[in-house]
Every structure is written in C-alpha cells, then in structure tokens.
Amino acid sequence: MCQTGYLTLKSEINSPKKVILGAANREVSSALSSLLTKKFFNTASLVSFYDGDLVLKKGTAEDIISHLNSVLSTIPYDKYPVKNEPVLRALILMYLTGLKFDVRAEQENSKGRSDILVNFDTRRVILELKFSETGRDVDSLLKDAVAQIQSREYGVENLGDRELIQIACVFDASKDKRKITLFCVVGR
C-alpha cells in the first residue's frame, strides 16, 4: 500500500526496520476508514448508519449521542473490541472519518487536547470521552469530563463564527449497557 501511494512514511526508519506509516492524505484516510467501518460495524442492521452528517451538522447533543449509541450497538457481541477509552475513541473516529468529516483526535490547544473534534462550516462538535468498565463510577467520570472541557477550553481555538457544541460523555462498558449512558452539554 505504500508503493501505491495509499500509505506514506510518517517517521524515519529506525533499526531494526521499524517505521510508522499513515494515510497519505485525508481522502485516503476517509476511504480506508470507510472500509474498516464495514468490518467493525454491522452497517446493514442500522438504516441511519450513514446519516451521521445530518445528525452532527444539525442535530442536538441528544441526537448525536443517540446516533453514536446506535452505531456502537451494531458491533457484534462475540468480537466486542471496546475495552478502554482509546479503543472507543478509535472506533468513533474511524466511523466519523469514514463519513468524510473533518474530524481530529486529540486536537491540541494551549491548555490540553480534546478527544474528538469535528468541524463543519457552521458548527464544531467536541466529544470528551470517559470510560467506565463497570458502570459504577459514571457520575464522577462525567463531572471529570465537564471540568476538563471547562478548564481546558476545548474547541475554542480558531472557532470563527461556528456554533460550538461541547459534549462530555461517559461510556458504560458493562455487558448489559455497552453504550454512552451519561452525557452533558458544556456551556461556554
């Protein structure tokens, strides 16, 4: 894939022959993410799987979380990969990137980095994710996520005249939930 231009070197070649590869550009990244999305998610089981653009561009925070939960619910139980926050972030990022959004993971600003940032012409959506393995600590994790968004001012950099929606959310990974169970819209 490197010789055909789909992947490119993102680091120097270190001995013994270690190198970091990455997508050559955003178009290739979207195409690869779209293909991977079909492997991880059961896209046929959700009619609105590809409606993420409408939901994120115009929907409320409730609509966004509901849609993400619907997408995450299509992951087959026997291959369930969501074991921690980085995996959750990667799956959501892969889904959003596959929809050809301007999406960024761990977008840095002067005070920290947000988990997921999605840019549209008139709106920016920030998702600050927290992960609960057992579901017992979801309230404190939500408070932590809200405080993190507020203190680090996620999404305000280069905002322009876009609407900013900052959502703190907690994913409950217990077998009877496996979804975002709590969320809060953080005001500026």
Protein backbone atom coordinates (compact mmCIF):
# COMPACT_ATOMS: atom_id res chain seq x y z
CA MET A 1 0.00 0.00 0.00
CA CYS A 2 2.98 2.28 0.50
CA GLN A 3 4.23 1.73 -3.06
CA THR A 4 0.80 2.56 -4.50
CA GLY A 5 0.60 5.82 -2.56
CA TYR A 6 -2.13 4.91 -0.09
CA LEU A 7 0.24 4.89 2.87
CA THR A 8 3.24 7.11 3.44
CA LEU A 9 6.13 7.20 5.88
CA LYS A 10 5.32 9.20 9.00
CA SER A 11 8.66 8.60 10.72
CA GLU A 12 12.25 7.82 9.98
CA ILE A 13 13.18 4.19 9.51
CA ASN A 14 14.56 3.09 12.87
CA SER A 15 16.52 -0.07 13.44
CA PRO A 16 15.59 -2.82 13.34
CA LYS A 17 13.41 -1.75 10.41
CA LYS A 18 10.70 -0.01 12.44
CA VAL A 19 8.68 2.69 10.75
CA ILE A 20 5.38 4.46 11.32
CA LEU A 21 3.03 4.51 8.34
CA GLY A 22 -0.02 6.70 7.86
CA ALA A 23 -2.59 7.66 5.27
CA ALA A 24 -1.16 9.84 2.52
CA ASN A 25 -3.97 12.41 2.76
CA ARG A 26 -7.48 12.97 4.12
CA GLU A 27 -9.16 11.38 1.09
CA VAL A 28 -7.19 8.14 1.54
CA SER A 29 -7.82 8.22 5.29
CA SER A 30 -11.56 8.52 4.68
CA ALA A 31 -11.56 5.68 2.17
CA LEU A 32 -9.60 3.36 4.45
CA SER A 33 -11.80 4.28 7.43
CA SER A 34 -14.91 3.61 5.38
CA LEU A 35 -13.63 0.14 4.51
CA LEU A 36 -12.67 -0.60 8.11
CA THR A 37 -16.04 0.65 9.32
CA LYS A 38 -17.73 -2.12 7.34
CA LYS A 39 -15.53 -4.69 9.10
CA PHE A 40 -16.19 -3.48 12.66
CA PHE A 41 -19.81 -2.38 12.46
CA ASN A 42 -22.84 -4.20 11.10
CA THR A 43 -23.83 -1.41 8.73
CA ALA A 44 -26.81 -3.34 7.34
CA SER A 45 -28.52 -3.51 10.73
CA LEU A 46 -28.92 0.25 11.10
CA VAL A 47 -30.85 2.18 8.48
CA SER A 48 -29.44 5.54 9.62
CA PHE A 49 -25.80 4.36 9.81
CA TYR A 50 -24.65 6.83 7.16
CA ASP A 51 -26.85 9.71 8.39
CA GLY A 52 -24.15 10.95 10.73
CA ASP A 53 -23.64 14.05 8.62
CA LEU A 54 -27.21 15.21 9.18
CA VAL A 55 -27.10 14.42 12.88
CA LEU A 56 -23.77 16.08 13.62
CA LYS A 57 -24.39 19.12 11.40
CA LYS A 58 -27.88 19.95 12.61
CA GLY A 59 -28.88 17.67 15.49
CA THR A 60 -28.94 18.32 19.21
CA ALA A 61 -26.49 16.75 21.64
CA GLU A 62 -29.18 14.17 22.43
CA ASP A 63 -29.44 13.33 18.71
CA ILE A 64 -25.66 13.00 18.41
CA ILE A 65 -25.30 10.69 21.41
CA SER A 66 -28.31 8.63 20.34
CA HIS A 67 -26.83 8.22 16.86
CA LEU A 68 -23.39 7.24 18.19
CA ASN A 69 -25.01 4.72 20.52
CA SER A 70 -26.94 3.27 17.58
CA VAL A 71 -23.73 2.92 15.60
CA LEU A 72 -21.83 1.37 18.52
CA SER A 73 -24.70 -1.07 19.10
CA THR A 74 -24.04 -2.67 15.70
CA ILE A 75 -20.73 -4.14 16.88
CA PRO A 76 -21.23 -7.91 17.22
CA TYR A 77 -21.02 -9.12 20.82
CA ASP A 78 -18.67 -12.02 20.06
CA LYS A 79 -15.99 -9.65 18.72
CA TYR A 80 -16.68 -6.73 21.05
CA PRO A 81 -13.46 -4.69 20.99
CA VAL A 82 -14.32 -1.77 23.31
CA LYS A 83 -12.13 -2.49 26.32
CA ASN A 84 -10.91 1.02 27.13
CA GLU A 85 -11.20 4.69 26.19
CA PRO A 86 -8.57 4.66 23.39
CA VAL A 87 -10.42 1.85 21.59
CA LEU A 88 -13.73 3.68 21.99
CA ARG A 89 -12.17 6.88 20.63
CA ALA A 90 -10.61 4.99 17.70
CA LEU A 91 -13.92 3.37 16.73
CA ILE A 92 -15.85 6.64 16.84
CA LEU A 93 -13.03 8.37 14.97
CA MET A 94 -12.97 5.63 12.32
CA TYR A 95 -16.74 5.93 11.84
CA LEU A 96 -16.66 9.74 11.55
CA THR A 97 -13.60 9.73 9.29
CA GLY A 98 -15.29 7.16 7.05
CA LEU A 99 -18.13 9.66 6.59
CA LYS A 100 -15.54 12.11 5.21
CA PHE A 101 -15.82 14.60 8.07
CA ASP A 102 -13.08 16.99 9.10
CA VAL A 103 -12.51 15.05 12.30
CA ARG A 104 -9.49 15.16 14.59
CA ALA A 105 -8.46 13.01 17.52
CA GLU A 106 -6.71 14.60 20.46
CA GLN A 107 -6.80 18.09 18.93
CA GLU A 108 -4.34 20.21 20.89
CA ASN A 109 -4.82 23.73 22.11
CA SER A 110 -2.77 25.78 24.59
CA LYS A 111 -4.31 24.02 27.62
CA GLY A 112 -4.72 20.39 26.58
CA ARG A 113 -6.23 18.18 23.92
CA SER A 114 -9.81 17.16 23.27
CA ASP A 115 -10.68 13.54 22.48
CA ILE A 116 -12.64 14.19 19.28
CA LEU A 117 -13.21 17.42 17.37
CA VAL A 118 -15.47 17.55 14.30
CA ASN A 119 -15.53 20.67 12.10
CA PHE A 120 -18.32 21.74 9.80
CA ASP A 121 -18.81 25.07 8.04
CA THR A 122 -21.24 26.36 10.67
CA ARG A 123 -20.63 24.08 13.63
CA ARG A 124 -17.89 22.43 15.67
CA VAL A 125 -18.64 19.41 17.85
CA ILE A 126 -16.33 18.42 20.71
CA LEU A 127 -16.62 14.99 22.34
CA GLU A 128 -14.78 14.43 25.60
CA LEU A 129 -14.99 10.71 26.33
CA LYS A 130 -14.68 8.91 29.62
CA PHE A 131 -14.80 5.12 30.01
CA SER A 132 -16.33 3.11 32.83
CA GLU A 133 -15.61 -0.59 32.83
CA THR A 134 -18.24 -1.42 35.45
CA GLY A 135 -20.71 1.46 35.32
CA ARG A 136 -20.27 2.27 39.00
CA ASP A 137 -18.31 5.48 38.60
CA VAL A 138 -20.20 7.17 35.75
CA ASP A 139 -21.31 10.23 37.74
CA SER A 140 -17.79 11.13 38.86
CA LEU A 141 -16.40 10.47 35.38
CA LEU A 142 -18.98 12.81 33.87
CA LYS A 143 -18.01 15.52 36.35
CA ASP A 144 -14.36 14.98 35.40
CA ALA A 145 -15.15 15.31 31.69
CA VAL A 146 -17.17 18.51 32.23
CA ALA A 147 -14.41 20.02 34.36
CA GLN A 148 -11.83 19.06 31.76
CA ILE A 149 -13.75 20.75 28.93
CA GLN A 150 -14.28 23.87 31.02
CA SER A 151 -10.74 24.23 32.34
CA ARG A 152 -9.04 23.42 29.04
CA GLU A 153 -11.49 25.30 26.82
CA TYR A 154 -11.70 22.61 24.16
CA GLY A 155 -12.80 23.74 20.73
CA VAL A 156 -12.47 27.49 21.13
CA GLU A 157 -9.26 27.70 19.09
CA ASN A 158 -9.82 29.09 15.58
CA LEU A 159 -13.57 28.75 16.06
CA GLY A 160 -14.57 31.72 13.93
CA ASP A 161 -18.33 32.19 13.78
CA ARG A 162 -19.14 28.50 14.10
CA GLU A 163 -21.53 27.21 16.74
CA LEU A 164 -19.64 25.23 19.39
CA ILE A 165 -21.17 22.15 20.97
CA GLN A 166 -19.01 20.63 23.72
CA ILE A 167 -20.28 17.27 24.94
CA ALA A 168 -18.87 15.44 27.93
CA CYS A 169 -19.88 11.79 27.81
CA VAL A 170 -19.34 8.54 29.68
CA PHE A 171 -19.34 5.12 28.04
CA ASP A 172 -20.52 2.30 30.32
CA ALA A 173 -18.77 -0.88 29.16
CA SER A 174 -20.65 -3.27 31.43
CA LYS A 175 -22.12 -6.13 29.39
CA ASP A 176 -25.71 -5.06 29.99
CA LYS A 177 -25.07 -1.47 28.77
CA ARG A 178 -22.18 -1.04 26.29
CA LYS A 179 -23.21 2.50 25.37
CA ILE A 180 -22.86 6.14 26.32
CA THR A 181 -25.10 6.28 29.38
CA LEU A 182 -24.44 9.82 30.62
CA PHE A 183 -23.62 13.00 28.79
CA CYS A 184 -23.74 16.72 29.41
CA VAL A 185 -23.57 19.72 27.12
CA VAL A 186 -20.99 22.13 28.47
CA GLY A 187 -21.76 25.83 28.05
CA ARG A 188 -19.19 28.49 27.33
